[in-house]
């Protein structure tokens, strides 16, 4: 999905620049300091990230317009989930934690959510905090059973034995809900992939969660 790299692996000699440049960058690259290592980010990558953020904002504005066209079955929800991540390529140890968030639901099939999550490794002094937002699309409700897909983006804070790094992260995922009674819903399973920008050491790859949802509104 993504690979682990260090500062010694991302440099090469560029005869056209007469200095060190990033493997994927050029002479006009901009340097950032992440966790004490210099990482070059090309203007093209910044332009792509800006366009993606604009796309997310347009989706949000579209959701506002849809919400004003009619009354949804539920106007929002809040949830709390227990989560965990198993050993993986970039995960030094199994970890467990929680996810908590809320979603504004302008229509029965669409919502916009904001979520905070934390994972703590079992046998390694490491923890991972994520703060993400993005759209979620639901399937139709069949006798209380429904599913959803989501695409979220945000920031990740990684603390490896006191060494703190920050990174951007994407979180595509899927899940299944079962409506128990009235506004109470059991989120049977939610699985998302945490794809970081620089793939810092210790980043969990696949996270799974389960818990309860309280739907609000009409």
N, C-alpha and C. Protein backbone atom coordinates (compact mmCIF):
# COMPACT_ATOMS: atom_id res chain seq x y z
N UNK A 1 0.84 -1.21 0.00
CA UNK A 1 0.00 0.00 0.00
C UNK A 1 0.87 1.24 0.00
N UNK A 2 1.85 1.24 0.90
CA UNK A 2 2.82 2.32 0.87
C UNK A 2 4.08 1.81 1.56
N UNK A 3 5.18 2.43 1.32
CA UNK A 3 6.45 1.91 1.82
C UNK A 3 7.06 2.83 2.85
N UNK A 4 7.91 2.24 3.65
CA UNK A 4 8.61 2.97 4.71
C UNK A 4 9.90 3.53 4.12
N UNK A 5 10.11 4.84 4.26
CA UNK A 5 11.31 5.45 3.75
C UNK A 5 11.96 6.30 4.83
N UNK A 6 13.24 6.49 4.74
CA UNK A 6 13.97 7.37 5.65
C UNK A 6 14.60 8.47 4.84
N UNK A 7 15.19 9.45 5.56
CA UNK A 7 15.77 10.59 4.86
C UNK A 7 16.91 10.16 3.95
N UNK A 8 17.61 9.08 4.29
CA UNK A 8 18.73 8.64 3.47
C UNK A 8 18.28 8.03 2.17
N UNK A 9 17.00 7.67 2.06
CA UNK A 9 16.49 7.01 0.87
C UNK A 9 15.83 7.97 -0.09
N UNK A 10 15.56 9.21 0.29
CA UNK A 10 14.81 10.09 -0.59
C UNK A 10 15.68 11.12 -1.27
N UNK A 11 17.00 11.05 -1.06
CA UNK A 11 17.88 12.03 -1.69
C UNK A 11 18.60 11.41 -2.87
N UNK A 12 18.93 12.23 -3.86
CA UNK A 12 19.82 11.81 -4.94
C UNK A 12 20.52 13.04 -5.48
N UNK A 13 21.63 12.85 -6.16
CA UNK A 13 22.35 13.96 -6.74
C UNK A 13 21.71 14.36 -8.04
N UNK A 14 21.41 15.65 -8.21
CA UNK A 14 20.76 16.17 -9.41
C UNK A 14 21.75 17.06 -10.14
N UNK A 15 22.33 16.58 -11.27
CA UNK A 15 23.35 17.38 -11.96
C UNK A 15 22.80 18.65 -12.55
N UNK A 16 21.48 18.72 -12.79
CA UNK A 16 20.88 19.92 -13.36
C UNK A 16 20.74 21.02 -12.32
N UNK A 17 20.66 20.66 -11.07
CA UNK A 17 20.47 21.66 -10.02
C UNK A 17 21.79 22.03 -9.35
N UNK A 18 22.76 21.09 -9.37
CA UNK A 18 24.02 21.36 -8.71
C UNK A 18 23.90 21.26 -7.20
N UNK A 19 22.85 20.58 -6.72
CA UNK A 19 22.66 20.40 -5.29
C UNK A 19 21.77 19.18 -5.10
N UNK A 20 21.48 18.86 -3.82
CA UNK A 20 20.63 17.72 -3.53
C UNK A 20 19.18 18.08 -3.77
N UNK A 21 18.42 17.16 -4.33
CA UNK A 21 16.99 17.37 -4.53
C UNK A 21 16.25 16.10 -4.22
N UNK A 22 14.95 16.19 -4.06
CA UNK A 22 14.13 15.02 -3.76
C UNK A 22 14.01 14.16 -5.00
N UNK A 23 13.88 12.85 -4.78
CA UNK A 23 13.76 11.93 -5.89
C UNK A 23 12.60 12.30 -6.79
N UNK A 24 11.49 12.73 -6.24
CA UNK A 24 10.31 13.07 -7.02
C UNK A 24 10.17 14.56 -7.20
N UNK A 25 11.15 15.34 -6.77
CA UNK A 25 11.04 16.78 -6.85
C UNK A 25 11.85 17.34 -8.00
N UNK A 26 12.08 18.66 -8.00
CA UNK A 26 12.91 19.32 -8.98
C UNK A 26 13.58 20.50 -8.31
N UNK A 27 14.22 21.40 -9.13
CA UNK A 27 14.96 22.50 -8.57
C UNK A 27 14.08 23.49 -7.84
N UNK A 28 12.77 23.48 -8.15
CA UNK A 28 11.87 24.43 -7.53
C UNK A 28 11.18 23.85 -6.31
N UNK A 29 11.62 22.68 -5.84
CA UNK A 29 10.97 22.03 -4.72
C UNK A 29 11.05 22.89 -3.48
N UNK A 30 10.04 22.70 -2.61
CA UNK A 30 9.98 23.39 -1.33
C UNK A 30 10.35 22.39 -0.24
N UNK A 31 11.16 22.77 0.74
CA UNK A 31 11.59 21.85 1.80
C UNK A 31 10.75 22.06 3.03
N UNK A 32 10.40 20.92 3.66
CA UNK A 32 9.66 20.93 4.92
C UNK A 32 10.47 20.12 5.93
N UNK A 33 10.32 20.43 7.20
CA UNK A 33 11.01 19.70 8.26
C UNK A 33 9.98 18.86 8.99
N UNK A 34 10.08 17.54 8.86
CA UNK A 34 9.12 16.63 9.48
C UNK A 34 9.89 15.70 10.38
N UNK A 35 9.68 15.84 11.70
CA UNK A 35 10.34 14.95 12.66
C UNK A 35 11.85 15.04 12.59
N UNK A 36 12.39 16.21 12.26
CA UNK A 36 13.83 16.37 12.22
C UNK A 36 14.46 16.01 10.90
N UNK A 37 13.71 15.45 9.93
CA UNK A 37 14.24 15.09 8.62
C UNK A 37 13.72 16.07 7.58
N UNK A 38 14.59 16.51 6.69
CA UNK A 38 14.18 17.42 5.62
C UNK A 38 13.56 16.62 4.50
N UNK A 39 12.35 16.98 4.11
CA UNK A 39 11.62 16.29 3.04
C UNK A 39 11.23 17.33 2.01
N UNK A 40 11.56 17.10 0.76
CA UNK A 40 11.19 18.03 -0.30
C UNK A 40 9.81 17.70 -0.84
N UNK A 41 8.97 18.71 -1.00
CA UNK A 41 7.63 18.56 -1.55
C UNK A 41 7.54 19.42 -2.79
N UNK A 42 7.28 18.83 -3.94
CA UNK A 42 7.26 19.58 -5.18
C UNK A 42 6.01 20.44 -5.27
N UNK A 43 6.09 21.56 -5.99
CA UNK A 43 4.90 22.41 -6.18
C UNK A 43 3.75 21.65 -6.80
N UNK A 44 4.04 20.67 -7.66
CA UNK A 44 2.97 19.90 -8.29
C UNK A 44 2.16 19.12 -7.25
N UNK A 45 2.85 18.54 -6.26
CA UNK A 45 2.14 17.80 -5.22
C UNK A 45 1.26 18.75 -4.40
N UNK A 46 1.79 19.94 -4.10
CA UNK A 46 0.99 20.92 -3.36
C UNK A 46 -0.24 21.31 -4.15
N UNK A 47 -0.10 21.44 -5.48
CA UNK A 47 -1.23 21.81 -6.33
C UNK A 47 -2.29 20.72 -6.32
N UNK A 48 -1.85 19.45 -6.36
CA UNK A 48 -2.80 18.34 -6.32
C UNK A 48 -3.56 18.32 -5.01
N UNK A 49 -2.83 18.52 -3.87
CA UNK A 49 -3.49 18.54 -2.57
C UNK A 49 -4.49 19.68 -2.48
N UNK A 50 -4.14 20.85 -3.04
CA UNK A 50 -5.06 22.00 -3.00
C UNK A 50 -6.33 21.70 -3.78
N UNK A 51 -6.19 21.05 -4.93
CA UNK A 51 -7.36 20.72 -5.74
C UNK A 51 -8.26 19.70 -5.03
N UNK A 52 -7.65 18.75 -4.33
CA UNK A 52 -8.45 17.77 -3.60
C UNK A 52 -9.23 18.43 -2.46
N UNK A 53 -8.60 19.39 -1.77
CA UNK A 53 -9.29 20.11 -0.71
C UNK A 53 -10.44 20.93 -1.27
N UNK A 54 -10.23 21.54 -2.44
CA UNK A 54 -11.31 22.30 -3.09
C UNK A 54 -12.47 21.38 -3.44
N UNK A 55 -12.15 20.16 -3.94
CA UNK A 55 -13.19 19.20 -4.28
C UNK A 55 -14.01 18.81 -3.05
N UNK A 56 -13.33 18.60 -1.90
CA UNK A 56 -14.04 18.26 -0.68
C UNK A 56 -14.96 19.41 -0.24
N UNK A 57 -14.47 20.64 -0.38
CA UNK A 57 -15.30 21.80 -0.01
C UNK A 57 -16.51 21.92 -0.91
N UNK A 58 -16.35 21.65 -2.21
CA UNK A 58 -17.49 21.69 -3.13
C UNK A 58 -18.51 20.61 -2.78
N UNK A 59 -18.02 19.43 -2.37
CA UNK A 59 -18.93 18.37 -1.94
C UNK A 59 -19.72 18.80 -0.72
N UNK A 60 -19.04 19.49 0.21
CA UNK A 60 -19.71 19.97 1.41
C UNK A 60 -20.80 20.99 1.06
N UNK A 61 -20.50 21.94 0.15
CA UNK A 61 -21.48 22.94 -0.26
C UNK A 61 -22.67 22.27 -0.97
N UNK A 62 -22.38 21.25 -1.75
CA UNK A 62 -23.47 20.51 -2.41
C UNK A 62 -24.36 19.83 -1.38
N UNK A 63 -23.75 19.31 -0.32
CA UNK A 63 -24.53 18.68 0.74
C UNK A 63 -25.45 19.69 1.42
N UNK A 64 -24.97 20.92 1.60
CA UNK A 64 -25.81 21.97 2.17
C UNK A 64 -27.02 22.22 1.29
N UNK A 65 -26.81 22.29 -0.02
CA UNK A 65 -27.91 22.53 -0.94
C UNK A 65 -28.92 21.40 -0.92
N UNK A 66 -28.43 20.16 -0.87
CA UNK A 66 -29.33 19.01 -0.81
C UNK A 66 -30.14 19.01 0.47
N UNK A 67 -29.48 19.39 1.58
CA UNK A 67 -30.17 19.42 2.86
C UNK A 67 -31.29 20.42 2.91
N UNK A 68 -31.22 21.48 2.10
CA UNK A 68 -32.26 22.50 2.10
C UNK A 68 -33.42 22.15 1.19
N UNK A 69 -33.27 21.08 0.39
CA UNK A 69 -34.32 20.72 -0.54
C UNK A 69 -35.42 19.90 0.11
N UNK A 70 -35.12 19.21 1.20
CA UNK A 70 -36.13 18.38 1.84
C UNK A 70 -35.72 18.00 3.24
N UNK A 71 -36.64 17.42 4.01
CA UNK A 71 -36.38 17.03 5.40
C UNK A 71 -35.84 15.62 5.44
N UNK A 72 -34.64 15.39 6.00
CA UNK A 72 -34.09 14.05 6.10
C UNK A 72 -34.75 13.26 7.21
N UNK A 73 -34.55 11.92 7.14
CA UNK A 73 -35.08 11.07 8.20
C UNK A 73 -34.35 11.36 9.52
N UNK A 74 -33.05 11.58 9.45
CA UNK A 74 -32.25 11.96 10.62
C UNK A 74 -31.28 13.05 10.19
N UNK A 75 -31.15 14.07 11.01
CA UNK A 75 -30.30 15.20 10.62
C UNK A 75 -28.86 15.07 11.09
N UNK A 76 -28.54 14.02 11.85
CA UNK A 76 -27.17 13.85 12.30
C UNK A 76 -27.01 12.61 13.16
N UNK A 77 -25.79 12.37 13.60
CA UNK A 77 -25.52 11.25 14.49
C UNK A 77 -24.23 11.50 15.24
N UNK A 78 -24.11 10.89 16.40
CA UNK A 78 -22.86 10.87 17.16
C UNK A 78 -22.55 9.41 17.46
N UNK A 79 -21.26 9.09 17.59
CA UNK A 79 -20.90 7.69 17.78
C UNK A 79 -19.62 7.54 18.59
N UNK A 80 -19.48 6.37 19.19
CA UNK A 80 -18.27 5.99 19.93
C UNK A 80 -17.97 4.53 19.60
N UNK A 81 -16.74 4.28 19.16
CA UNK A 81 -16.35 2.95 18.71
C UNK A 81 -15.06 2.51 19.39
N UNK A 82 -14.96 1.23 19.66
CA UNK A 82 -13.68 0.64 20.09
C UNK A 82 -12.97 0.17 18.83
N UNK A 83 -11.66 0.46 18.74
CA UNK A 83 -10.94 0.15 17.50
C UNK A 83 -9.63 -0.55 17.79
N UNK A 84 -9.06 -1.13 16.74
CA UNK A 84 -7.77 -1.79 16.87
C UNK A 84 -7.10 -1.95 15.52
N UNK A 85 -5.79 -2.15 15.53
CA UNK A 85 -5.01 -2.39 14.31
C UNK A 85 -4.04 -3.52 14.58
N UNK A 86 -3.95 -4.47 13.65
CA UNK A 86 -3.06 -5.61 13.81
C UNK A 86 -1.67 -5.29 13.29
N UNK A 87 -0.73 -6.21 13.56
CA UNK A 87 0.63 -6.05 13.04
C UNK A 87 0.58 -5.92 11.52
N UNK A 88 1.39 -5.00 11.00
CA UNK A 88 1.44 -4.80 9.56
C UNK A 88 2.82 -4.37 9.13
N UNK A 89 2.93 -3.94 7.87
CA UNK A 89 4.22 -3.54 7.33
C UNK A 89 4.84 -2.42 8.14
N UNK A 90 4.01 -1.41 8.47
CA UNK A 90 4.52 -0.24 9.18
C UNK A 90 4.05 -0.14 10.62
N UNK A 91 3.39 -1.18 11.12
CA UNK A 91 2.90 -1.17 12.49
C UNK A 91 3.80 -2.03 13.36
N UNK A 92 4.52 -1.47 14.31
CA UNK A 92 5.48 -2.25 15.09
C UNK A 92 4.84 -3.26 16.03
N UNK A 93 3.58 -3.05 16.41
CA UNK A 93 2.92 -3.97 17.32
C UNK A 93 1.42 -3.79 17.20
N UNK A 94 0.66 -4.80 17.65
CA UNK A 94 -0.78 -4.66 17.67
C UNK A 94 -1.17 -3.50 18.58
N UNK A 95 -2.25 -2.81 18.22
CA UNK A 95 -2.66 -1.64 18.99
C UNK A 95 -4.17 -1.61 19.13
N UNK A 96 -4.63 -0.90 20.14
CA UNK A 96 -6.07 -0.76 20.39
C UNK A 96 -6.36 0.66 20.83
N UNK A 97 -7.62 1.07 20.67
CA UNK A 97 -7.97 2.44 21.04
C UNK A 97 -9.44 2.70 20.83
N UNK A 98 -9.76 3.92 20.39
CA UNK A 98 -11.16 4.30 20.22
C UNK A 98 -11.29 5.29 19.08
N UNK A 99 -12.52 5.46 18.61
CA UNK A 99 -12.88 6.48 17.64
C UNK A 99 -14.17 7.14 18.13
N UNK A 100 -14.22 8.46 18.07
CA UNK A 100 -15.41 9.19 18.48
C UNK A 100 -15.64 10.33 17.50
N UNK A 101 -16.90 10.54 17.14
CA UNK A 101 -17.16 11.60 16.17
C UNK A 101 -18.63 11.89 16.03
N UNK A 102 -18.91 12.77 15.09
CA UNK A 102 -20.28 13.15 14.79
C UNK A 102 -20.43 13.39 13.30
N UNK A 103 -21.65 13.30 12.81
CA UNK A 103 -21.92 13.47 11.39
C UNK A 103 -23.19 14.29 11.21
N UNK A 104 -23.13 15.22 10.28
CA UNK A 104 -24.32 15.96 9.85
C UNK A 104 -24.90 15.24 8.65
N UNK A 105 -26.20 14.93 8.70
CA UNK A 105 -26.82 14.08 7.69
C UNK A 105 -27.94 14.85 6.99
N UNK A 106 -27.62 15.59 5.91
CA UNK A 106 -28.64 16.40 5.24
C UNK A 106 -29.65 15.59 4.44
N UNK A 107 -29.33 14.32 4.14
CA UNK A 107 -30.26 13.44 3.44
C UNK A 107 -30.06 12.02 3.97
N UNK A 108 -31.03 11.12 3.81
CA UNK A 108 -30.91 9.77 4.35
C UNK A 108 -29.73 8.99 3.79
N UNK A 109 -29.22 9.35 2.61
CA UNK A 109 -28.16 8.58 1.97
C UNK A 109 -26.79 9.26 2.00
N UNK A 110 -26.70 10.43 2.66
CA UNK A 110 -25.44 11.17 2.64
C UNK A 110 -25.20 11.85 3.98
N UNK A 111 -23.93 11.88 4.41
CA UNK A 111 -23.56 12.63 5.62
C UNK A 111 -22.14 13.16 5.48
N UNK A 112 -21.84 14.15 6.31
CA UNK A 112 -20.48 14.70 6.39
C UNK A 112 -20.03 14.56 7.84
N UNK A 113 -18.91 13.89 8.06
CA UNK A 113 -18.52 13.56 9.42
C UNK A 113 -17.17 14.14 9.81
N UNK A 114 -16.99 14.27 11.12
CA UNK A 114 -15.72 14.67 11.72
C UNK A 114 -15.42 13.67 12.82
N UNK A 115 -14.19 13.16 12.84
CA UNK A 115 -13.86 12.08 13.78
C UNK A 115 -12.45 12.23 14.35
N UNK A 116 -12.33 11.93 15.65
CA UNK A 116 -11.03 11.83 16.30
C UNK A 116 -10.80 10.37 16.69
N UNK A 117 -9.59 9.88 16.45
CA UNK A 117 -9.27 8.51 16.81
C UNK A 117 -7.90 8.40 17.47
N UNK A 118 -7.76 7.40 18.32
CA UNK A 118 -6.46 7.15 18.97
C UNK A 118 -6.21 5.65 19.03
N UNK A 119 -4.96 5.26 18.72
CA UNK A 119 -4.50 3.89 18.87
C UNK A 119 -3.25 3.89 19.74
N UNK A 120 -3.17 2.94 20.66
CA UNK A 120 -2.01 2.80 21.55
C UNK A 120 -1.45 1.39 21.39
N UNK A 121 -0.16 1.29 21.09
CA UNK A 121 0.48 -0.01 20.89
C UNK A 121 0.56 -0.77 22.22
N UNK A 122 0.45 -2.10 22.12
CA UNK A 122 0.46 -2.93 23.31
C UNK A 122 1.85 -3.04 23.94
N UNK A 123 2.86 -3.39 23.14
CA UNK A 123 4.18 -3.69 23.68
C UNK A 123 5.26 -2.72 23.22
N UNK A 124 4.86 -1.59 22.64
CA UNK A 124 5.81 -0.59 22.16
C UNK A 124 5.36 0.78 22.63
N UNK A 125 6.28 1.65 23.10
CA UNK A 125 5.87 3.00 23.52
C UNK A 125 5.51 3.87 22.32
N UNK A 126 4.31 3.64 21.78
CA UNK A 126 3.88 4.38 20.59
C UNK A 126 2.37 4.58 20.64
N UNK A 127 1.93 5.73 20.13
CA UNK A 127 0.49 5.96 19.94
C UNK A 127 0.29 6.80 18.69
N UNK A 128 -0.93 6.69 18.13
CA UNK A 128 -1.27 7.33 16.88
C UNK A 128 -2.61 8.05 17.04
N UNK A 129 -2.64 9.35 16.79
CA UNK A 129 -3.87 10.15 16.87
C UNK A 129 -4.23 10.63 15.47
N UNK A 130 -5.51 10.52 15.13
CA UNK A 130 -5.99 10.99 13.84
C UNK A 130 -7.17 11.93 14.04
N UNK A 131 -7.24 12.96 13.20
CA UNK A 131 -8.38 13.86 13.14
C UNK A 131 -8.74 14.01 11.67
N UNK A 132 -9.91 13.47 11.29
CA UNK A 132 -10.28 13.41 9.88
C UNK A 132 -11.71 13.88 9.66
N UNK A 133 -11.98 14.32 8.45
CA UNK A 133 -13.32 14.72 8.05
C UNK A 133 -13.55 14.33 6.60
N UNK A 134 -14.82 14.13 6.23
CA UNK A 134 -15.11 13.75 4.85
C UNK A 134 -16.52 13.23 4.69
N UNK A 135 -16.90 12.91 3.45
CA UNK A 135 -18.26 12.45 3.15
C UNK A 135 -18.44 10.95 3.38
N UNK A 136 -19.69 10.57 3.67
CA UNK A 136 -20.08 9.17 3.80
C UNK A 136 -21.37 8.95 3.04
N UNK A 137 -21.45 7.87 2.27
CA UNK A 137 -22.64 7.55 1.48
C UNK A 137 -23.21 6.23 1.98
N UNK A 138 -24.53 6.23 2.29
CA UNK A 138 -25.21 5.06 2.86
C UNK A 138 -26.00 4.32 1.79
N UNK A 139 -26.17 3.03 2.02
CA UNK A 139 -27.10 2.25 1.20
C UNK A 139 -28.51 2.41 1.75
N UNK A 140 -29.48 1.87 1.05
CA UNK A 140 -30.85 1.88 1.55
C UNK A 140 -30.96 0.98 2.79
N UNK A 141 -31.90 1.32 3.67
CA UNK A 141 -32.13 0.55 4.90
C UNK A 141 -33.06 -0.62 4.57
N UNK A 142 -32.56 -1.86 4.77
CA UNK A 142 -33.34 -3.06 4.52
C UNK A 142 -33.59 -3.77 5.85
N UNK A 143 -34.78 -3.58 6.41
CA UNK A 143 -35.16 -4.20 7.68
C UNK A 143 -34.14 -3.89 8.78
N UNK A 144 -33.68 -2.65 8.81
CA UNK A 144 -32.75 -2.22 9.85
C UNK A 144 -31.30 -2.41 9.52
N UNK A 145 -30.99 -3.06 8.40
CA UNK A 145 -29.60 -3.31 8.01
C UNK A 145 -29.20 -2.37 6.88
N UNK A 146 -28.06 -1.71 7.03
CA UNK A 146 -27.57 -0.81 5.99
C UNK A 146 -26.04 -0.81 6.00
N UNK A 147 -25.46 -0.36 4.90
CA UNK A 147 -24.01 -0.26 4.79
C UNK A 147 -23.61 1.13 4.34
N UNK A 148 -22.33 1.40 4.35
CA UNK A 148 -21.86 2.71 3.91
C UNK A 148 -20.43 2.62 3.40
N UNK A 149 -20.05 3.60 2.58
CA UNK A 149 -18.67 3.80 2.17
C UNK A 149 -18.30 5.24 2.53
N UNK A 150 -17.04 5.49 2.78
CA UNK A 150 -16.62 6.82 3.20
C UNK A 150 -15.22 7.12 2.69
N UNK A 151 -14.93 8.42 2.54
CA UNK A 151 -13.60 8.87 2.16
C UNK A 151 -13.26 10.09 2.99
N UNK A 152 -12.29 9.95 3.88
CA UNK A 152 -11.95 11.03 4.81
C UNK A 152 -10.49 11.42 4.65
N UNK A 153 -10.20 12.64 5.05
CA UNK A 153 -8.82 13.14 5.01
C UNK A 153 -8.58 13.99 6.24
N UNK A 154 -7.32 14.08 6.65
CA UNK A 154 -7.02 14.89 7.83
C UNK A 154 -5.56 14.81 8.21
N UNK A 155 -5.31 14.83 9.52
CA UNK A 155 -3.95 14.85 10.04
C UNK A 155 -3.73 13.67 10.98
N UNK A 156 -2.49 13.20 11.02
CA UNK A 156 -2.10 12.12 11.93
C UNK A 156 -0.90 12.58 12.76
N UNK A 157 -0.99 12.34 14.07
CA UNK A 157 0.12 12.62 14.99
C UNK A 157 0.65 11.28 15.50
N UNK A 158 1.93 11.02 15.24
CA UNK A 158 2.57 9.78 15.65
C UNK A 158 3.59 10.07 16.75
N UNK A 159 3.50 9.35 17.85
CA UNK A 159 4.45 9.49 18.95
C UNK A 159 5.14 8.15 19.15
N UNK A 160 6.42 8.09 18.72
CA UNK A 160 7.21 6.87 18.86
C UNK A 160 8.28 7.11 19.92
N UNK A 161 8.01 6.64 21.14
CA UNK A 161 8.97 6.78 22.24
C UNK A 161 9.40 8.22 22.44
N UNK A 162 8.45 9.15 22.38
CA UNK A 162 8.74 10.55 22.61
C UNK A 162 9.09 11.35 21.37
N UNK A 163 9.28 10.68 20.24
CA UNK A 163 9.58 11.36 18.98
C UNK A 163 8.26 11.59 18.23
N UNK A 164 7.84 12.84 18.15
CA UNK A 164 6.53 13.18 17.59
C UNK A 164 6.68 13.67 16.15
N UNK A 165 5.85 13.12 15.27
CA UNK A 165 5.80 13.58 13.88
C UNK A 165 4.35 13.82 13.48
N UNK A 166 4.15 14.73 12.54
CA UNK A 166 2.83 15.02 12.00
C UNK A 166 2.80 14.67 10.52
N UNK A 167 1.63 14.24 10.05
CA UNK A 167 1.52 13.85 8.66
C UNK A 167 0.08 14.03 8.19
N UNK A 168 -0.10 14.16 6.88
CA UNK A 168 -1.44 14.12 6.31
C UNK A 168 -1.84 12.66 6.12
N UNK A 169 -3.14 12.38 6.16
CA UNK A 169 -3.59 11.00 6.07
C UNK A 169 -4.94 10.94 5.35
N UNK A 170 -5.11 9.90 4.56
CA UNK A 170 -6.39 9.60 3.90
C UNK A 170 -6.97 8.35 4.54
N UNK A 171 -8.33 8.30 4.64
CA UNK A 171 -8.96 7.16 5.29
C UNK A 171 -10.17 6.62 4.57
N UNK A 172 -10.02 5.99 3.40
CA UNK A 172 -11.16 5.34 2.75
C UNK A 172 -11.62 4.13 3.57
N UNK A 173 -12.93 3.91 3.63
CA UNK A 173 -13.41 2.80 4.44
C UNK A 173 -14.83 2.39 4.12
N UNK A 174 -15.26 1.29 4.75
CA UNK A 174 -16.60 0.74 4.60
C UNK A 174 -17.11 0.31 5.96
N UNK A 175 -18.44 0.12 6.08
CA UNK A 175 -19.00 -0.32 7.35
C UNK A 175 -20.41 -0.85 7.21
N UNK A 176 -20.89 -1.47 8.28
CA UNK A 176 -22.24 -2.05 8.32
C UNK A 176 -22.92 -1.63 9.61
N UNK A 177 -24.18 -1.15 9.50
CA UNK A 177 -24.99 -0.73 10.66
C UNK A 177 -26.22 -1.61 10.78
N UNK A 178 -26.63 -1.86 12.04
CA UNK A 178 -27.90 -2.54 12.33
C UNK A 178 -28.69 -1.66 13.29
N UNK A 179 -29.87 -1.23 12.85
CA UNK A 179 -30.72 -0.39 13.70
C UNK A 179 -31.37 -1.27 14.77
N UNK A 180 -31.09 -0.96 16.05
CA UNK A 180 -31.59 -1.77 17.15
C UNK A 180 -32.99 -1.35 17.56
N UNK A 181 -33.14 -0.07 17.91
CA UNK A 181 -34.45 0.44 18.34
C UNK A 181 -34.43 1.95 18.26
N UNK A 182 -35.43 2.51 17.58
CA UNK A 182 -35.53 3.96 17.49
C UNK A 182 -34.29 4.59 16.89
N UNK A 183 -33.59 5.40 17.69
CA UNK A 183 -32.41 6.11 17.22
C UNK A 183 -31.11 5.38 17.50
N UNK A 184 -31.15 4.26 18.21
CA UNK A 184 -29.94 3.53 18.58
C UNK A 184 -29.53 2.55 17.48
N UNK A 185 -28.26 2.63 17.08
CA UNK A 185 -27.74 1.79 16.01
C UNK A 185 -26.46 1.09 16.49
N UNK A 186 -26.33 -0.17 16.13
CA UNK A 186 -25.10 -0.91 16.39
C UNK A 186 -24.25 -0.90 15.14
N UNK A 187 -23.08 -0.27 15.21
CA UNK A 187 -22.14 -0.31 14.09
C UNK A 187 -21.35 -1.61 14.21
N UNK A 188 -21.79 -2.61 13.49
CA UNK A 188 -21.24 -3.96 13.63
C UNK A 188 -19.75 -3.96 13.30
N UNK A 189 -19.39 -3.33 12.20
CA UNK A 189 -17.99 -3.30 11.78
C UNK A 189 -17.75 -2.05 10.93
N UNK A 190 -16.60 -1.45 11.14
CA UNK A 190 -16.12 -0.38 10.28
C UNK A 190 -14.64 -0.63 10.04
N UNK A 191 -14.24 -0.64 8.79
CA UNK A 191 -12.85 -0.90 8.43
C UNK A 191 -12.38 0.23 7.53
N UNK A 192 -11.24 0.84 7.87
CA UNK A 192 -10.68 1.87 7.01
C UNK A 192 -9.17 1.70 6.89
N UNK A 193 -8.64 2.17 5.78
CA UNK A 193 -7.20 2.13 5.52
C UNK A 193 -6.63 3.52 5.76
N UNK A 194 -5.63 3.61 6.61
CA UNK A 194 -4.99 4.89 6.90
C UNK A 194 -3.75 5.02 6.01
N UNK A 195 -3.86 5.86 5.00
CA UNK A 195 -2.78 6.03 4.03
C UNK A 195 -2.13 7.37 4.27
N UNK A 196 -0.91 7.38 4.81
CA UNK A 196 -0.23 8.62 5.14
C UNK A 196 0.55 9.16 3.94
N UNK A 197 0.89 10.46 4.00
CA UNK A 197 1.59 11.11 2.89
C UNK A 197 3.04 10.70 2.81
N UNK A 198 3.73 10.69 3.93
CA UNK A 198 5.15 10.32 3.93
C UNK A 198 5.40 8.92 4.48
N UNK A 199 4.33 8.24 4.94
CA UNK A 199 4.45 6.88 5.46
C UNK A 199 5.49 6.79 6.56
N UNK A 200 5.30 7.60 7.62
CA UNK A 200 6.24 7.62 8.74
C UNK A 200 6.22 6.29 9.47
N UNK A 201 7.34 5.98 10.15
CA UNK A 201 7.46 4.71 10.85
C UNK A 201 6.39 4.60 11.93
N UNK A 202 5.76 3.41 11.99
CA UNK A 202 4.76 3.17 13.00
C UNK A 202 3.35 3.51 12.58
N UNK A 203 3.14 3.99 11.36
CA UNK A 203 1.80 4.33 10.91
C UNK A 203 0.96 3.06 10.77
N UNK A 204 -0.20 2.97 11.44
CA UNK A 204 -1.03 1.79 11.26
C UNK A 204 -1.64 1.77 9.88
N UNK A 205 -1.74 0.60 9.28
CA UNK A 205 -2.27 0.49 7.93
C UNK A 205 -3.77 0.32 7.90
N UNK A 206 -4.31 -0.79 8.42
CA UNK A 206 -5.74 -1.08 8.40
C UNK A 206 -6.28 -1.07 9.82
N UNK A 207 -7.37 -0.30 10.01
CA UNK A 207 -7.97 -0.16 11.33
C UNK A 207 -9.41 -0.66 11.27
N UNK A 208 -9.82 -1.42 12.26
CA UNK A 208 -11.20 -1.91 12.35
C UNK A 208 -11.82 -1.44 13.65
N UNK A 209 -13.14 -1.27 13.65
CA UNK A 209 -13.81 -0.73 14.84
C UNK A 209 -15.24 -1.25 14.91
N UNK A 210 -15.80 -1.17 16.12
CA UNK A 210 -17.20 -1.54 16.35
C UNK A 210 -17.71 -0.76 17.56
N UNK A 211 -19.00 -0.42 17.54
CA UNK A 211 -19.54 0.34 18.65
C UNK A 211 -20.98 0.76 18.39
N UNK A 212 -21.38 1.89 19.00
CA UNK A 212 -22.77 2.31 18.93
C UNK A 212 -22.91 3.73 18.40
N UNK A 213 -24.04 3.94 17.74
CA UNK A 213 -24.36 5.23 17.10
C UNK A 213 -25.69 5.72 17.63
N UNK A 214 -25.79 6.99 17.92
CA UNK A 214 -27.05 7.61 18.31
C UNK A 214 -27.44 8.60 17.23
N UNK A 215 -28.53 8.35 16.53
CA UNK A 215 -28.98 9.23 15.47
C UNK A 215 -29.87 10.34 16.04
N UNK A 216 -29.68 11.53 15.50
CA UNK A 216 -30.36 12.73 16.01
C UNK A 216 -31.32 13.29 14.97
N UNK A 217 -32.18 14.16 15.40
CA UNK A 217 -33.09 14.84 14.47
C UNK A 217 -34.44 14.20 14.43
N UNK A 218 -35.08 14.31 13.25
CA UNK A 218 -36.47 13.86 13.08
C UNK A 218 -36.57 12.35 13.10
